[in-house]
Amino acid sequence: MSINMDNVTVTFKNKVTAVDHVSMSMEHGIYGLLGENGAGKTTLMRVLTTIIKPGEGRIDLNGIPYTEENYGKIRQRIGYLPQEINLYPDLTVRECLEYLGGLSRLTKAECKKRIDYYLERTSLTDHQRKKNRQLSGGMKRRVGLIQALLNEPEFLVVDEPTTGLDPEERIRIRNLLVDFSESRTVLFSTHVVEDLAATCNQLAVMKKGSFLYCGSVYELLEQAKGHVWICPAGTDDDIRRMEREYHVSSKQYTEEGLKIKIIGDKSPGLDCYPADVSLEDAYIYLMNYCS
């Protein structure tokens, strides 16, 4: 399984370039997609799911070119959970999934088997008789994820799948995606950096339509080493000075007083010592000091 993008560009009629000459190859596994709002992530996902046709560049899925005559064939191999999803409000969860399974040409027996399995994996079994309009936001996200998984696609694209979920449910969904990606490819876009740290080895970071970084999580963490420190907070004036000169990523009260974790290009001072680098730290360093 492979998806290859080469020099993909999308420019809208207002001459705004949302995706700017991006190239990337994905094999099986989970690939993370990070970036601030407006970076071009949603546009890129719409291109990969054939909703938007790029103005320039080439894409292929398992050797099948993304051309209009191939879109039907490609869509049969893709599952997509968009950020905004409209479920049939007057259908129950099961009725909705049975209808969508029928559209995917699943047999009734296979459709029932898959619905039962994914309802269990997403903790929705007890809610399957509720109408979609009765569901919480987090439940709707899980139903949306099931519809994307139902045809067991070769390539799954998910946009913010854990939005509105409590910590235990987020862990369940992450584990489900990891299991699903064993022999398939998943593109996982989220603002929750912790979700990507727990699921993927490869990621791309977008900024203003381009890839600021594309590679392994390990290499990104290595890039930020030596740029993250723990420092005593000192006085209020000291804290304000550090917030002006550095990025303060966290504050924590300890037995020795308030400590702050800061990210920057230079050492903050003799009282500071290097800290372990989290993916969130590395992302902040990349976005603010490497662009």
Protein backbone atom coordinates (compact mmCIF):
# COMPACT_ATOMS: atom_id res chain seq x y z
CA MET A 1 0.00 0.00 0.00
CA SER A 2 1.45 3.39 -0.96
CA ILE A 3 0.29 6.94 -1.59
CA ASN A 4 2.66 9.26 -3.42
CA MET A 5 2.34 13.02 -3.82
CA ASP A 6 4.67 14.99 -6.05
CA ASN A 7 4.62 18.79 -6.22
CA VAL A 8 0.90 19.01 -5.38
CA THR A 9 -0.47 22.57 -5.50
CA VAL A 10 -3.97 23.98 -4.95
CA THR A 11 -4.74 27.64 -5.73
CA PHE A 12 -8.29 28.90 -5.32
CA LYS A 13 -10.09 31.44 -7.51
CA ASN A 14 -9.23 34.24 -5.09
CA LYS A 15 -5.55 33.44 -5.89
CA VAL A 16 -4.91 32.07 -2.41
CA THR A 17 -2.53 29.10 -2.56
CA ALA A 18 -3.77 26.66 0.11
CA VAL A 19 -1.34 23.83 -0.76
CA ASP A 20 2.01 24.87 -2.18
CA HIS A 21 4.14 22.26 -4.01
CA VAL A 22 4.03 19.50 -1.39
CA SER A 23 5.59 16.08 -1.91
CA MET A 24 5.29 13.06 0.35
CA SER A 25 5.16 9.25 0.21
CA MET A 26 3.19 7.11 2.64
CA GLU A 27 3.38 3.34 3.11
CA HIS A 28 1.31 1.36 5.61
CA GLY A 29 1.08 2.74 9.15
CA ILE A 30 -0.14 5.98 10.73
CA TYR A 31 1.12 9.31 9.45
CA GLY A 32 0.46 12.43 11.50
CA LEU A 33 -0.52 15.79 10.04
CA LEU A 34 0.04 18.88 12.19
CA GLY A 35 -0.29 22.59 11.58
CA GLU A 36 -2.01 25.74 12.77
CA ASN A 37 -5.48 26.71 11.54
CA GLY A 38 -5.34 27.78 7.91
CA ALA A 39 -2.12 25.89 7.21
CA GLY A 40 -3.72 23.89 4.39
CA LYS A 41 -4.32 20.56 6.14
CA THR A 42 -8.04 20.30 5.29
CA THR A 43 -7.43 21.25 1.66
CA LEU A 44 -4.72 18.60 1.38
CA MET A 45 -7.03 15.96 2.86
CA ARG A 46 -9.77 16.94 0.41
CA VAL A 47 -7.30 16.51 -2.43
CA LEU A 48 -6.29 13.06 -1.17
CA THR A 49 -9.95 12.02 -0.94
CA THR A 50 -10.69 13.30 -4.49
CA ILE A 51 -13.02 16.10 -3.32
CA ILE A 52 -10.69 18.77 -4.73
CA LYS A 53 -8.63 18.42 -7.89
CA PRO A 54 -5.13 19.91 -7.57
CA GLY A 55 -4.04 22.55 -10.04
CA GLU A 56 -0.53 21.13 -10.29
CA GLY A 57 1.33 17.99 -9.34
CA ARG A 58 0.72 14.25 -9.36
CA ILE A 59 -0.76 11.77 -6.88
CA ASP A 60 -1.14 8.03 -7.11
CA LEU A 61 -2.68 5.40 -4.85
CA ASN A 62 -1.03 2.00 -5.26
CA GLY A 63 0.06 3.07 -8.71
CA ILE A 64 -3.39 4.37 -9.73
CA PRO A 65 -3.08 8.01 -10.86
CA TYR A 66 -5.46 10.58 -9.40
CA THR A 67 -7.26 11.39 -12.64
CA GLU A 68 -10.99 11.94 -13.06
CA GLU A 69 -11.48 8.64 -14.88
CA ASN A 70 -9.91 6.84 -11.90
CA TYR A 71 -11.76 8.71 -9.12
CA GLY A 72 -14.47 6.05 -8.78
CA LYS A 73 -11.89 3.31 -8.43
CA ILE A 74 -9.88 5.36 -5.90
CA ARG A 75 -12.92 6.25 -3.77
CA GLN A 76 -13.66 2.56 -3.26
CA ARG A 77 -10.27 2.28 -1.55
CA ILE A 78 -10.59 5.37 0.67
CA GLY A 79 -12.31 6.11 3.98
CA TYR A 80 -12.73 9.71 5.19
CA LEU A 81 -13.78 11.32 8.45
CA PRO A 82 -14.04 15.08 7.78
CA GLN A 83 -13.92 17.70 10.51
CA GLU A 84 -17.59 18.52 9.94
CA ILE A 85 -19.87 15.55 9.41
CA ASN A 86 -23.64 15.56 8.91
CA LEU A 87 -25.28 12.29 9.94
CA TYR A 88 -28.88 11.48 9.10
CA PRO A 89 -30.53 13.08 12.16
CA ASP A 90 -33.73 10.98 12.22
CA LEU A 91 -32.02 7.62 11.76
CA THR A 92 -30.68 5.61 14.66
CA VAL A 93 -26.95 4.94 14.84
CA ARG A 94 -27.44 1.38 13.55
CA GLU A 95 -29.90 2.41 10.83
CA CYS A 96 -27.47 5.06 9.62
CA LEU A 97 -24.55 2.61 9.50
CA GLU A 98 -26.65 -0.07 7.80
CA TYR A 99 -27.65 2.45 5.12
CA LEU A 100 -24.05 3.56 4.58
CA GLY A 101 -22.92 -0.07 4.51
CA GLY A 102 -25.46 -0.71 1.78
CA LEU A 103 -24.07 2.18 -0.24
CA SER A 104 -20.66 0.52 0.09
CA ARG A 105 -22.21 -2.67 -1.37
CA LEU A 106 -21.55 -4.77 1.71
CA THR A 107 -23.67 -7.88 2.14
CA LYS A 108 -26.11 -7.72 5.04
CA ALA A 109 -24.19 -10.36 6.94
CA GLU A 110 -20.82 -8.65 6.48
CA CYS A 111 -22.34 -5.24 7.22
CA LYS A 112 -23.84 -6.50 10.51
CA LYS A 113 -20.54 -8.14 11.49
CA ARG A 114 -18.54 -4.96 10.90
CA ILE A 115 -21.09 -2.68 12.57
CA ASP A 116 -21.17 -4.89 15.67
CA TYR A 117 -17.36 -4.97 15.81
CA TYR A 118 -16.86 -1.22 15.46
CA LEU A 119 -19.72 -0.33 17.81
CA GLU A 120 -17.95 -2.43 20.43
CA ARG A 121 -14.52 -0.92 19.71
CA THR A 122 -15.90 2.64 19.99
CA SER A 123 -18.09 1.96 23.07
CA LEU A 124 -21.29 2.75 21.16
CA THR A 125 -23.07 -0.60 21.47
CA ASP A 126 -25.35 0.71 24.21
CA HIS A 127 -26.21 3.79 22.11
CA GLN A 128 -26.94 2.13 18.77
CA ARG A 129 -30.73 2.63 19.06
CA LYS A 130 -30.42 6.37 19.68
CA LYS A 131 -31.22 8.74 16.86
CA ASN A 132 -28.22 10.65 15.58
CA ARG A 133 -29.75 13.96 16.64
CA GLN A 134 -29.72 12.72 20.25
CA LEU A 135 -25.98 12.09 20.29
CA SER A 136 -23.32 14.22 21.92
CA GLY A 137 -20.59 15.72 19.77
CA GLY A 138 -18.13 13.05 20.85
CA MET A 139 -20.56 10.25 19.99
CA LYS A 140 -21.18 11.74 16.55
CA ARG A 141 -17.41 11.75 15.93
CA ARG A 142 -17.28 8.05 16.78
CA VAL A 143 -20.21 7.24 14.48
CA GLY A 144 -18.45 9.24 11.77
CA LEU A 145 -15.30 7.23 12.33
CA ILE A 146 -17.22 3.96 12.00
CA GLN A 147 -18.69 5.06 8.66
CA ALA A 148 -15.15 5.80 7.45
CA LEU A 149 -13.96 2.35 8.57
CA LEU A 150 -16.98 0.38 7.38
CA ASN A 151 -15.68 -0.54 3.95
CA GLU A 152 -12.25 -1.34 5.48
CA PRO A 153 -10.43 1.09 3.18
CA GLU A 154 -6.81 0.71 2.13
CA PHE A 155 -6.29 4.42 2.84
CA LEU A 156 -8.05 6.09 5.79
CA VAL A 157 -8.02 9.87 6.27
CA VAL A 158 -9.26 11.16 9.64
CA ASP A 159 -9.59 14.80 10.65
CA GLU A 160 -9.74 15.39 14.42
CA PRO A 161 -11.18 11.95 15.28
CA THR A 162 -10.81 12.44 19.06
CA THR A 163 -12.53 15.84 19.33
CA GLY A 164 -15.06 15.86 22.17
CA LEU A 165 -13.88 12.57 23.68
CA ASP A 166 -12.87 11.98 27.28
CA PRO A 167 -9.33 10.64 27.96
CA GLU A 168 -10.39 6.97 28.09
CA GLU A 169 -12.31 7.21 24.82
CA ARG A 170 -9.39 8.99 23.15
CA ILE A 171 -7.14 6.09 24.12
CA ARG A 172 -9.65 3.57 22.70
CA ILE A 173 -9.86 5.43 19.40
CA ARG A 174 -6.09 5.74 19.17
CA ASN A 175 -5.71 2.01 19.79
CA LEU A 176 -8.36 1.25 17.17
CA LEU A 177 -6.50 3.35 14.58
CA VAL A 178 -3.18 1.69 15.41
CA ASP A 179 -4.73 -1.76 14.99
CA PHE A 180 -6.40 -0.71 11.74
CA SER A 181 -3.12 0.64 10.33
CA GLU A 182 -1.25 -2.65 10.69
CA SER A 183 -1.75 -3.47 7.02
CA ARG A 184 -3.20 -0.16 5.78
CA THR A 185 -2.33 3.52 5.63
CA VAL A 186 -3.89 6.13 7.95
CA LEU A 187 -3.45 9.90 7.70
CA PHE A 188 -4.29 11.34 11.13
CA SER A 189 -4.80 15.11 11.33
CA THR A 190 -5.25 16.63 14.78
CA HIS A 191 -4.42 19.55 17.06
CA VAL A 192 -3.92 17.12 19.97
CA VAL A 193 -0.18 16.51 19.69
CA GLU A 194 -0.38 13.85 22.41
CA ASP A 195 -2.55 11.70 20.12
CA LEU A 196 0.14 11.66 17.44
CA ALA A 197 2.91 10.99 19.97
CA ALA A 198 0.98 7.87 21.03
CA THR A 199 0.20 6.56 17.54
CA CYS A 200 2.57 7.53 14.73
CA ASN A 201 6.24 7.30 13.79
CA GLN A 202 6.05 9.61 10.78
CA LEU A 203 4.50 13.04 10.47
CA ALA A 204 4.25 16.15 8.34
CA VAL A 205 3.94 19.68 9.71
CA MET A 206 2.27 22.26 7.47
CA LYS A 207 2.67 26.02 7.56
CA LYS A 208 1.18 28.42 5.01
CA GLY A 209 0.45 25.60 2.58
CA SER A 210 3.92 24.02 2.59
CA PHE A 211 5.57 21.22 4.54
CA LEU A 212 7.76 22.77 7.21
CA TYR A 213 8.79 19.26 8.23
CA CYS A 214 8.22 15.81 6.81
CA GLY A 215 9.90 12.83 8.43
CA SER A 216 10.12 10.71 11.55
CA VAL A 217 8.94 11.76 15.00
CA TYR A 218 12.36 10.73 16.36
CA GLU A 219 14.22 13.09 14.03
CA LEU A 220 11.93 15.97 14.95
CA LEU A 221 12.56 15.33 18.67
CA GLU A 222 16.32 15.23 18.00
CA GLN A 223 16.07 18.56 16.19
CA ALA A 224 14.64 20.21 19.31
CA LYS A 225 17.19 18.74 21.73
CA GLY A 226 19.24 21.42 23.42
CA HIS A 227 16.46 23.97 22.97
CA VAL A 228 14.16 22.99 25.86
CA TRP A 229 14.96 23.82 29.48
CA ILE A 230 13.53 23.70 33.00
CA CYS A 231 14.09 26.91 34.93
CA PRO A 232 13.19 28.23 38.38
CA ALA A 233 10.48 30.83 37.97
CA GLY A 234 12.08 33.53 40.10
CA THR A 235 10.18 36.77 40.55
CA ASP A 236 7.16 37.93 38.58
CA ASP A 237 9.49 40.20 36.60
CA ASP A 238 11.69 37.19 35.77
CA ILE A 239 8.68 35.24 34.50
CA ARG A 240 7.49 38.15 32.34
CA ARG A 241 11.00 38.54 30.90
CA MET A 242 11.19 34.85 30.02
CA GLU A 243 7.74 34.96 28.40
CA ARG A 244 8.95 37.86 26.23
CA GLU A 245 12.19 36.14 25.20
CA TYR A 246 11.13 32.49 25.02
CA HIS A 247 8.11 30.25 24.61
CA VAL A 248 6.91 29.05 28.01
CA SER A 249 5.31 25.67 27.34
CA SER A 250 4.33 24.77 30.91
CA LYS A 251 4.46 25.80 34.56
CA GLN A 252 4.60 23.38 37.46
CA TYR A 253 4.67 23.78 41.23
CA THR A 254 7.27 21.55 42.88
CA GLU A 255 8.74 21.18 46.37
CA GLU A 256 11.43 23.60 45.24
CA GLY A 257 8.90 26.15 44.07
CA LEU A 258 7.48 27.09 40.68
CA LYS A 259 9.37 25.68 37.68
CA ILE A 260 8.78 26.68 34.10
CA LYS A 261 9.57 24.80 30.90
CA ILE A 262 10.79 27.06 28.16
CA ILE A 263 11.70 26.64 24.50
CA GLY A 264 14.19 28.87 22.71
CA ASP A 265 17.32 29.19 20.61
CA LYS A 266 19.69 29.95 23.49
CA SER A 267 20.15 28.86 27.09
CA PRO A 268 18.07 30.97 29.50
CA GLY A 269 20.72 31.04 32.25
CA LEU A 270 22.94 29.15 34.68
CA ASP A 271 20.05 28.07 36.90
CA CYS A 272 18.34 26.24 34.03
CA TYR A 273 18.97 22.69 32.93
CA PRO A 274 18.05 20.72 29.78
CA ALA A 275 14.63 19.04 29.78
CA ASP A 276 13.32 15.93 28.08
CA VAL A 277 11.75 16.94 24.77
CA SER A 278 8.11 16.06 24.12
CA LEU A 279 6.54 16.08 20.67
CA GLU A 280 4.64 19.22 21.66
CA ASP A 281 7.93 20.93 22.59
CA ALA A 282 9.49 19.88 19.29
CA TYR A 283 6.46 21.17 17.37
CA ILE A 284 6.60 24.56 19.11
CA TYR A 285 10.34 24.81 18.44
CA LEU A 286 9.87 23.94 14.77
CA MET A 287 7.02 26.41 14.24
CA ASN A 288 8.75 29.33 15.94
CA TYR A 289 12.46 28.88 15.38
CA CYS A 290 12.89 26.84 12.19
CA SER A 291 10.55 28.50 9.70
